[in-house]
Amino acid sequence: MSGQPRGGAEGERLERREELALSLAEVRARIAKACAAVGRDADEVGLLAVTKTFPAEDVAILHDLGLAEFAENRDQEAGRKTREFAGLRPGARVRWRMVGSLQRNKARSVLGWADRIDTVDSTRLADALAKAATEPVEVLLQVSIDGDAARGGHPIGDLPRLADHVARSGELILRGVMTVAPLSMSPQQAFAALYEAVTRLRDDHPDATVISAGMSGDLEDAIAHGSTCVRVGTALLGSRRLASP
């Protein structure tokens, strides 16, 4: 009946939309406040929704709410989800980013759905992507601030060498860098070190303008130190997970 509360699947979808709309508004407010605190324009900082382990239906809702950039960290899940999303929103123009550790033998598969690879951390991975590419591929260099190999990322002190290697490839387009603040130092220290390294890097690679840094817990610190893209999962989507990731 008209005017009656809707239950079942439709009611759950409406409830989820309200949850995501509220979370998105809160995240955008945090970004705007952080930018204002350091005299930056909020338009300088992009929001990358990290949708790993969440269903394609959530991506569709976020797209309806105005987001167009989404990130995944597992090739198999992402391949399935991008196809499901395309079925839910035919013709929707969105961009997908790979933000997880990438094995070289997955290069061709990942390039089947990802518009940009944000975790290039070695010359060998760069070469694998270049070999698998059928058209130019945008990449970010994943930077290790503290040099902990177990956490992934290219050592910050050796960043120019990797950047030069990528730039020499006709198949890869160097767009910038990405990092996760290590637990061994404060986010402020980590992001300050990254910004200093990127500033030097741009002397030789002026088009490397993207700084993907900052997540749900430290996006304010990242914005204060030049981040142009924050990767937000928990603060945006909450703790809900797929029943069978």
C-alpha atoms as a PDB file:
ATOM      1  CA  MET A   1       0.000   0.000   0.000  1.00  0.00           C
ATOM      2  CA  SER A   2       1.080   3.535  -0.708  1.00  0.00           C
ATOM      3  CA  GLY A   3       2.518   5.240   2.363  1.00  0.00           C
ATOM      4  CA  GLN A   4       3.365   1.955   4.071  1.00  0.00           C
ATOM      5  CA  PRO A   5       6.993   1.288   5.057  1.00  0.00           C
ATOM      6  CA  ARG A   6       8.658  -0.973   2.521  1.00  0.00           C
ATOM      7  CA  GLY A   7      10.312  -4.089   3.864  1.00  0.00           C
ATOM      8  CA  GLY A   8      12.327  -6.914   2.367  1.00  0.00           C
ATOM      9  CA  ALA A   9      15.039  -6.334  -0.212  1.00  0.00           C
ATOM     10  CA  GLU A  10      13.692  -2.936  -1.261  1.00  0.00           C
ATOM     11  CA  GLY A  11      13.662  -1.696   2.318  1.00  0.00           C
ATOM     12  CA  GLU A  12      17.221  -2.929   2.844  1.00  0.00           C
ATOM     13  CA  ARG A  13      18.375  -1.109  -0.300  1.00  0.00           C
ATOM     14  CA  LEU A  14      16.764   2.137   0.866  1.00  0.00           C
ATOM     15  CA  GLU A  15      18.336   1.772   4.306  1.00  0.00           C
ATOM     16  CA  ARG A  16      21.747   1.095   2.813  1.00  0.00           C
ATOM     17  CA  ARG A  17      21.436   4.110   0.529  1.00  0.00           C
ATOM     18  CA  GLU A  18      20.681   6.314   3.528  1.00  0.00           C
ATOM     19  CA  GLU A  19      23.684   4.883   5.386  1.00  0.00           C
ATOM     20  CA  LEU A  20      26.036   5.496   2.489  1.00  0.00           C
ATOM     21  CA  ALA A  21      24.664   8.971   1.789  1.00  0.00           C
ATOM     22  CA  LEU A  22      25.283   9.968   5.411  1.00  0.00           C
ATOM     23  CA  SER A  23      28.784   8.480   5.458  1.00  0.00           C
ATOM     24  CA  LEU A  24      29.667  10.151   2.160  1.00  0.00           C
ATOM     25  CA  ALA A  25      28.503  13.518   3.457  1.00  0.00           C
ATOM     26  CA  GLU A  26      30.612  13.065   6.602  1.00  0.00           C
ATOM     27  CA  VAL A  27      33.723  12.088   4.651  1.00  0.00           C
ATOM     28  CA  ARG A  28      33.322  15.009   2.277  1.00  0.00           C
ATOM     29  CA  ALA A  29      32.917  17.337   5.245  1.00  0.00           C
ATOM     30  CA  ARG A  30      36.155  15.988   6.752  1.00  0.00           C
ATOM     31  CA  ILE A  31      37.984  16.574   3.480  1.00  0.00           C
ATOM     32  CA  ALA A  32      36.631  20.119   3.182  1.00  0.00           C
ATOM     33  CA  LYS A  33      37.555  20.931   6.786  1.00  0.00           C
ATOM     34  CA  ALA A  34      41.061  19.489   6.398  1.00  0.00           C
ATOM     35  CA  CYS A  35      41.619  21.493   3.226  1.00  0.00           C
ATOM     36  CA  ALA A  36      40.341  24.698   4.823  1.00  0.00           C
ATOM     37  CA  ALA A  37      42.711  24.207   7.756  1.00  0.00           C
ATOM     38  CA  VAL A  38      45.738  24.420   5.447  1.00  0.00           C
ATOM     39  CA  GLY A  39      44.372  26.866   2.888  1.00  0.00           C
ATOM     40  CA  ARG A  40      43.662  24.345   0.159  1.00  0.00           C
ATOM     41  CA  ASP A  41      40.640  24.092  -2.108  1.00  0.00           C
ATOM     42  CA  ALA A  42      38.585  20.968  -1.413  1.00  0.00           C
ATOM     43  CA  ASP A  43      38.440  20.344  -5.167  1.00  0.00           C
ATOM     44  CA  GLU A  44      42.179  19.615  -5.067  1.00  0.00           C
ATOM     45  CA  VAL A  45      41.580  16.346  -3.191  1.00  0.00           C
ATOM     46  CA  GLY A  46      39.847  13.428  -4.862  1.00  0.00           C
ATOM     47  CA  LEU A  47      37.931  10.748  -2.997  1.00  0.00           C
ATOM     48  CA  LEU A  48      38.720   7.165  -3.978  1.00  0.00           C
ATOM     49  CA  ALA A  49      36.147   4.741  -2.557  1.00  0.00           C
ATOM     50  CA  VAL A  50      37.814   1.500  -1.497  1.00  0.00           C
ATOM     51  CA  THR A  51      35.102  -1.060  -2.154  1.00  0.00           C
ATOM     52  CA  LYS A  52      37.041  -4.271  -1.528  1.00  0.00           C
ATOM     53  CA  THR A  53      34.871  -6.973   0.115  1.00  0.00           C
ATOM     54  CA  PHE A  54      31.731  -4.914  -0.456  1.00  0.00           C
ATOM     55  CA  PRO A  55      29.077  -5.877  -3.038  1.00  0.00           C
ATOM     56  CA  ALA A  56      28.568  -4.319  -6.440  1.00  0.00           C
ATOM     57  CA  GLU A  57      25.240  -2.985  -5.178  1.00  0.00           C
ATOM     58  CA  ASP A  58      27.140  -0.648  -2.830  1.00  0.00           C
ATOM     59  CA  VAL A  59      29.254   0.594  -5.732  1.00  0.00           C
ATOM     60  CA  ALA A  60      26.067   1.276  -7.681  1.00  0.00           C
ATOM     61  CA  ILE A  61      24.637   3.308  -4.789  1.00  0.00           C
ATOM     62  CA  LEU A  62      27.839   5.325  -4.404  1.00  0.00           C
ATOM     63  CA  HIS A  63      27.827   5.984  -8.137  1.00  0.00           C
ATOM     64  CA  ASP A  64      24.239   7.236  -7.864  1.00  0.00           C
ATOM     65  CA  LEU A  65      25.419   9.514  -5.033  1.00  0.00           C
ATOM     66  CA  GLY A  66      28.047  11.068  -7.278  1.00  0.00           C
ATOM     67  CA  LEU A  67      31.231   9.010  -6.960  1.00  0.00           C
ATOM     68  CA  ALA A  68      33.045   7.799 -10.044  1.00  0.00           C
ATOM     69  CA  GLU A  69      36.350   6.356  -8.776  1.00  0.00           C
ATOM     70  CA  PHE A  70      36.556   3.020  -7.005  1.00  0.00           C
ATOM     71  CA  ALA A  71      39.417   0.861  -5.757  1.00  0.00           C
ATOM     72  CA  GLU A  72      39.860  -2.870  -5.357  1.00  0.00           C
ATOM     73  CA  ASN A  73      42.774  -4.908  -4.037  1.00  0.00           C
ATOM     74  CA  ARG A  74      42.094  -8.457  -5.257  1.00  0.00           C
ATOM     75  CA  ASP A  75      42.020  -9.292  -8.946  1.00  0.00           C
ATOM     76  CA  GLN A  76      39.484 -12.109  -8.806  1.00  0.00           C
ATOM     77  CA  GLU A  77      36.983 -10.193  -6.689  1.00  0.00           C
ATOM     78  CA  ALA A  78      37.433  -7.039  -8.729  1.00  0.00           C
ATOM     79  CA  GLY A  79      36.928  -8.770 -12.057  1.00  0.00           C
ATOM     80  CA  ARG A  80      33.640 -10.213 -10.865  1.00  0.00           C
ATOM     81  CA  LYS A  81      32.489  -7.005  -9.225  1.00  0.00           C
ATOM     82  CA  THR A  82      33.223  -4.752 -12.187  1.00  0.00           C
ATOM     83  CA  ARG A  83      31.143  -7.040 -14.388  1.00  0.00           C
ATOM     84  CA  GLU A  84      28.293  -7.060 -11.861  1.00  0.00           C
ATOM     85  CA  PHE A  85      28.406  -3.282 -11.596  1.00  0.00           C
ATOM     86  CA  ALA A  86      28.266  -2.948 -15.382  1.00  0.00           C
ATOM     87  CA  GLY A  87      25.101  -5.024 -15.302  1.00  0.00           C
ATOM     88  CA  LEU A  88      23.576  -2.863 -12.578  1.00  0.00           C
ATOM     89  CA  ARG A  89      24.507   0.445 -14.215  1.00  0.00           C
ATOM     90  CA  PRO A  90      24.916  -0.133 -17.965  1.00  0.00           C
ATOM     91  CA  GLY A  91      26.919   2.608 -19.594  1.00  0.00           C
ATOM     92  CA  ALA A  92      28.012   4.202 -16.311  1.00  0.00           C
ATOM     93  CA  ARG A  93      31.334   5.976 -16.665  1.00  0.00           C
ATOM     94  CA  VAL A  94      33.449   5.020 -13.668  1.00  0.00           C
ATOM     95  CA  ARG A  95      37.162   4.423 -13.132  1.00  0.00           C
ATOM     96  CA  TRP A  96      38.617   1.451 -11.298  1.00  0.00           C
ATOM     97  CA  ARG A  97      41.967   1.452  -9.483  1.00  0.00           C
ATOM     98  CA  MET A  98      44.093  -1.470  -8.333  1.00  0.00           C
ATOM     99  CA  VAL A  99      45.368  -0.675  -4.833  1.00  0.00           C
ATOM    100  CA  GLY A 100      46.484  -4.123  -3.681  1.00  0.00           C
ATOM    101  CA  SER A 101      49.739  -5.985  -3.954  1.00  0.00           C
ATOM    102  CA  LEU A 102      50.073  -7.259  -7.500  1.00  0.00           C
ATOM    103  CA  GLN A 103      51.891 -10.367  -8.674  1.00  0.00           C
ATOM    104  CA  ARG A 104      53.521 -10.133 -12.057  1.00  0.00           C
ATOM    105  CA  ASN A 105      51.612 -13.124 -13.419  1.00  0.00           C
ATOM    106  CA  LYS A 106      48.340 -11.261 -12.749  1.00  0.00           C
ATOM    107  CA  ALA A 107      49.292  -8.252 -14.850  1.00  0.00           C
ATOM    108  CA  ARG A 108      47.235  -9.155 -17.904  1.00  0.00           C
ATOM    109  CA  SER A 109      44.186 -10.103 -15.840  1.00  0.00           C
ATOM    110  CA  VAL A 110      44.250  -6.893 -13.788  1.00  0.00           C
ATOM    111  CA  LEU A 111      44.548  -4.767 -16.899  1.00  0.00           C
ATOM    112  CA  GLY A 112      41.268  -6.284 -18.015  1.00  0.00           C
ATOM    113  CA  TRP A 113      39.372  -4.198 -15.440  1.00  0.00           C
ATOM    114  CA  ALA A 114      41.689  -1.601 -13.855  1.00  0.00           C
ATOM    115  CA  ASP A 115      42.038   1.862 -15.370  1.00  0.00           C
ATOM    116  CA  ARG A 116      45.066   2.627 -13.231  1.00  0.00           C
ATOM    117  CA  ILE A 117      47.532   0.523 -11.253  1.00  0.00           C
ATOM    118  CA  ASP A 118      48.413   2.286  -8.007  1.00  0.00           C
ATOM    119  CA  THR A 119      50.882  -0.258  -6.603  1.00  0.00           C
ATOM    120  CA  VAL A 120      53.862  -0.421  -8.946  1.00  0.00           C
ATOM    121  CA  ASP A 121      56.754  -1.091  -6.586  1.00  0.00           C
ATOM    122  CA  SER A 122      59.459  -2.645  -8.741  1.00  0.00           C
ATOM    123  CA  THR A 123      60.995  -2.511 -12.184  1.00  0.00           C
ATOM    124  CA  ARG A 124      60.002  -6.162 -12.717  1.00  0.00           C
ATOM    125  CA  LEU A 125      56.327  -5.417 -12.082  1.00  0.00           C
ATOM    126  CA  ALA A 126      56.551  -2.359 -14.318  1.00  0.00           C
ATOM    127  CA  ASP A 127      58.003  -4.528 -17.089  1.00  0.00           C
ATOM    128  CA  ALA A 128      55.275  -7.150 -16.647  1.00  0.00           C
ATOM    129  CA  LEU A 129      52.563  -4.509 -16.940  1.00  0.00           C
ATOM    130  CA  ALA A 130      54.216  -2.951 -19.971  1.00  0.00           C
ATOM    131  CA  LYS A 131      54.428  -6.345 -21.658  1.00  0.00           C
ATOM    132  CA  ALA A 132      50.774  -7.153 -20.907  1.00  0.00           C
ATOM    133  CA  ALA A 133      49.416  -3.748 -21.915  1.00  0.00           C
ATOM    134  CA  THR A 134      47.534  -3.352 -25.188  1.00  0.00           C
ATOM    135  CA  GLU A 135      47.247   0.415 -24.707  1.00  0.00           C
ATOM    136  CA  PRO A 136      48.954   3.000 -22.450  1.00  0.00           C
ATOM    137  CA  VAL A 137      48.398   2.297 -18.747  1.00  0.00           C
ATOM    138  CA  GLU A 138      48.388   4.912 -15.991  1.00  0.00           C
ATOM    139  CA  VAL A 139      50.378   3.920 -12.906  1.00  0.00           C
ATOM    140  CA  LEU A 140      51.338   5.194  -9.472  1.00  0.00           C
ATOM    141  CA  LEU A 141      54.511   4.168  -7.714  1.00  0.00           C
ATOM    142  CA  GLN A 142      53.874   2.584  -4.324  1.00  0.00           C
ATOM    143  CA  VAL A 143      56.363   4.087  -1.894  1.00  0.00           C
ATOM    144  CA  SER A 144      57.682   2.484   1.278  1.00  0.00           C
ATOM    145  CA  ILE A 145      58.447   5.261   3.742  1.00  0.00           C
ATOM    146  CA  ASP A 146      60.202   3.057   6.309  1.00  0.00           C
ATOM    147  CA  GLY A 147      61.730   0.477   3.955  1.00  0.00           C
ATOM    148  CA  ASP A 148      59.819  -2.480   5.430  1.00  0.00           C
ATOM    149  CA  ALA A 149      59.775  -4.940   2.528  1.00  0.00           C
ATOM    150  CA  ALA A 150      57.084  -7.063   4.182  1.00  0.00           C
ATOM    151  CA  ARG A 151      54.569  -4.244   3.777  1.00  0.00           C
ATOM    152  CA  GLY A 152      55.261  -3.663   0.106  1.00  0.00           C
ATOM    153  CA  GLY A 153      56.353  -0.519  -1.637  1.00  0.00           C
ATOM    154  CA  HIS A 154      59.545   0.723  -3.251  1.00  0.00           C
ATOM    155  CA  PRO A 155      62.136   2.285  -0.898  1.00  0.00           C
ATOM    156  CA  ILE A 156      61.641   6.035  -0.834  1.00  0.00           C
ATOM    157  CA  GLY A 157      65.342   6.727  -1.284  1.00  0.00           C
ATOM    158  CA  ASP A 158      65.417   4.772  -4.542  1.00  0.00           C
ATOM    159  CA  LEU A 159      62.237   6.301  -5.947  1.00  0.00           C
ATOM    160  CA  PRO A 160      63.905   8.284  -8.780  1.00  0.00           C
ATOM    161  CA  ARG A 161      65.361   5.121 -10.328  1.00  0.00           C
ATOM    162  CA  LEU A 162      61.967   3.403 -10.489  1.00  0.00           C
ATOM    163  CA  ALA A 163      60.336   6.568 -11.819  1.00  0.00           C
ATOM    164  CA  ASP A 164      62.924   6.853 -14.576  1.00  0.00           C
ATOM    165  CA  HIS A 165      62.404   3.201 -15.500  1.00  0.00           C
ATOM    166  CA  VAL A 166      58.638   3.626 -15.756  1.00  0.00           C
ATOM    167  CA  ALA A 167      58.968   6.857 -17.704  1.00  0.00           C
ATOM    168  CA  ARG A 168      61.144   5.145 -20.305  1.00  0.00           C
ATOM    169  CA  SER A 169      58.377   2.657 -21.025  1.00  0.00           C
ATOM    170  CA  GLY A 170      56.152   3.624 -23.896  1.00  0.00           C
ATOM    171  CA  GLU A 171      53.291   1.608 -22.413  1.00  0.00           C
ATOM    172  CA  LEU A 172      53.219   3.085 -18.895  1.00  0.00           C
ATOM    173  CA  ILE A 173      52.187   6.621 -17.940  1.00  0.00           C
ATOM    174  CA  LEU A 174      53.599   7.824 -14.620  1.00  0.00           C
ATOM    175  CA  ARG A 175      50.896   9.767 -12.787  1.00  0.00           C
ATOM    176  CA  GLY A 176      52.377   9.984  -9.290  1.00  0.00           C
ATOM    177  CA  VAL A 177      52.847   8.052  -6.071  1.00  0.00           C
ATOM    178  CA  MET A 178      50.906   6.160  -3.422  1.00  0.00           C
ATOM    179  CA  THR A 179      51.745   5.213   0.144  1.00  0.00           C
ATOM    180  CA  VAL A 180      50.353   3.881   3.398  1.00  0.00           C
ATOM    181  CA  ALA A 181      51.703   5.498   6.556  1.00  0.00           C
ATOM    182  CA  PRO A 182      53.769   2.884   8.441  1.00  0.00           C
ATOM    183  CA  LEU A 183      53.102   2.090  12.085  1.00  0.00           C
ATOM    184  CA  SER A 184      56.724   2.863  12.922  1.00  0.00           C
ATOM    185  CA  MET A 185      56.221   6.618  12.606  1.00  0.00           C
ATOM    186  CA  SER A 186      53.465   9.182  12.911  1.00  0.00           C
ATOM    187  CA  PRO A 187      51.293   9.888   9.861  1.00  0.00           C
ATOM    188  CA  GLN A 188      52.569  13.465   9.912  1.00  0.00           C
ATOM    189  CA  GLN A 189      56.186  12.288   9.621  1.00  0.00           C
ATOM    190  CA  ALA A 190      55.370   9.763   6.924  1.00  0.00           C
ATOM    191  CA  PHE A 191      53.366  12.116   4.730  1.00  0.00           C
ATOM    192  CA  ALA A 192      55.888  14.916   5.145  1.00  0.00           C
ATOM    193  CA  ALA A 193      58.644  12.576   3.960  1.00  0.00           C
ATOM    194  CA  LEU A 194      56.531  11.521   0.979  1.00  0.00           C
ATOM    195  CA  TYR A 195      55.793  15.105  -0.027  1.00  0.00           C
ATOM    196  CA  GLU A 196      59.482  16.013   0.127  1.00  0.00           C
ATOM    197  CA  ALA A 197      60.345  13.034  -2.093  1.00  0.00           C
ATOM    198  CA  VAL A 198      57.594  13.844  -4.576  1.00  0.00           C
ATOM    199  CA  THR A 199      58.705  17.470  -4.789  1.00  0.00           C
ATOM    200  CA  ARG A 200      62.163  16.314  -5.857  1.00  0.00           C
ATOM    201  CA  LEU A 201      60.700  13.703  -8.200  1.00  0.00           C
ATOM    202  CA  ARG A 202      58.684  16.309 -10.071  1.00  0.00           C
ATOM    203  CA  ASP A 203      61.858  18.090 -11.133  1.00  0.00           C
ATOM    204  CA  ASP A 204      62.391  15.267 -13.637  1.00  0.00           C
ATOM    205  CA  HIS A 205      58.789  14.051 -13.924  1.00  0.00           C
ATOM    206  CA  PRO A 206      56.530  17.127 -13.831  1.00  0.00           C
ATOM    207  CA  ASP A 207      53.432  15.136 -14.796  1.00  0.00           C
ATOM    208  CA  ALA A 208      53.671  12.963 -11.672  1.00  0.00           C
ATOM    209  CA  THR A 209      51.116  15.118  -9.895  1.00  0.00           C
ATOM    210  CA  VAL A 210      49.064  12.524  -7.999  1.00  0.00           C
ATOM    211  CA  ILE A 211      49.795  11.905  -4.319  1.00  0.00           C
ATOM    212  CA  SER A 212      47.531   9.107  -3.137  1.00  0.00           C
ATOM    213  CA  ALA A 213      47.891   9.195   0.635  1.00  0.00           C
ATOM    214  CA  GLY A 214      45.570   9.115   3.585  1.00  0.00           C
ATOM    215  CA  MET A 215      42.818   6.710   4.548  1.00  0.00           C
ATOM    216  CA  SER A 216      39.873   6.700   6.951  1.00  0.00           C
ATOM    217  CA  GLY A 217      41.997   7.277  10.040  1.00  0.00           C
ATOM    218  CA  ASP A 218      44.604   9.740   8.806  1.00  0.00           C
ATOM    219  CA  LEU A 219      43.229  11.588   5.803  1.00  0.00           C
ATOM    220  CA  GLU A 220      43.519  14.959   7.565  1.00  0.00           C
ATOM    221  CA  ASP A 221      47.263  14.501   8.084  1.00  0.00           C
ATOM    222  CA  ALA A 222      47.702  13.447   4.466  1.00  0.00           C
ATOM    223  CA  ILE A 223      45.807  16.457   3.145  1.00  0.00           C
ATOM    224  CA  ALA A 224      47.945  18.737   5.303  1.00  0.00           C
ATOM    225  CA  HIS A 225      50.988  17.310   3.513  1.00  0.00           C
ATOM    226  CA  GLY A 226      49.839  17.602  -0.073  1.00  0.00           C
ATOM    227  CA  SER A 227      47.702  14.532  -0.731  1.00  0.00           C
ATOM    228  CA  THR A 228      45.621  14.865  -3.887  1.00  0.00           C
ATOM    229  CA  CYS A 229      43.699  11.616  -3.371  1.00  0.00           C
ATOM    230  CA  VAL A 230      42.450   9.952  -0.183  1.00  0.00           C
ATOM    231  CA  ARG A 231      41.490   6.280  -0.196  1.00  0.00           C
ATOM    232  CA  VAL A 232      38.501   5.712   2.066  1.00  0.00           C
ATOM    233  CA  GLY A 233      36.894   2.398   2.883  1.00  0.00           C
ATOM    234  CA  THR A 234      35.709   1.960   6.475  1.00  0.00           C
ATOM    235  CA  ALA A 235      34.610   5.563   7.065  1.00  0.00           C
ATOM    236  CA  LEU A 236      32.553   5.399   3.890  1.00  0.00           C
ATOM    237  CA  LEU A 237      31.200   1.866   3.732  1.00  0.00           C
ATOM    238  CA  GLY A 238      31.331   0.757   7.365  1.00  0.00           C
ATOM    239  CA  SER A 239      32.108  -2.780   8.461  1.00  0.00           C
ATOM    240  CA  ARG A 240      29.664  -4.683   6.290  1.00  0.00           C
ATOM    241  CA  ARG A 241      31.252  -7.438   4.259  1.00  0.00           C
ATOM    242  CA  LEU A 242      30.332  -9.811   1.482  1.00  0.00           C
ATOM    243  CA  ALA A 243      29.001 -13.121   2.701  1.00  0.00           C
ATOM    244  CA  SER A 244      31.514 -14.927   0.492  1.00  0.00           C
ATOM    245  CA  PRO A 245      34.413 -12.600  -0.427  1.00  0.00           C
END
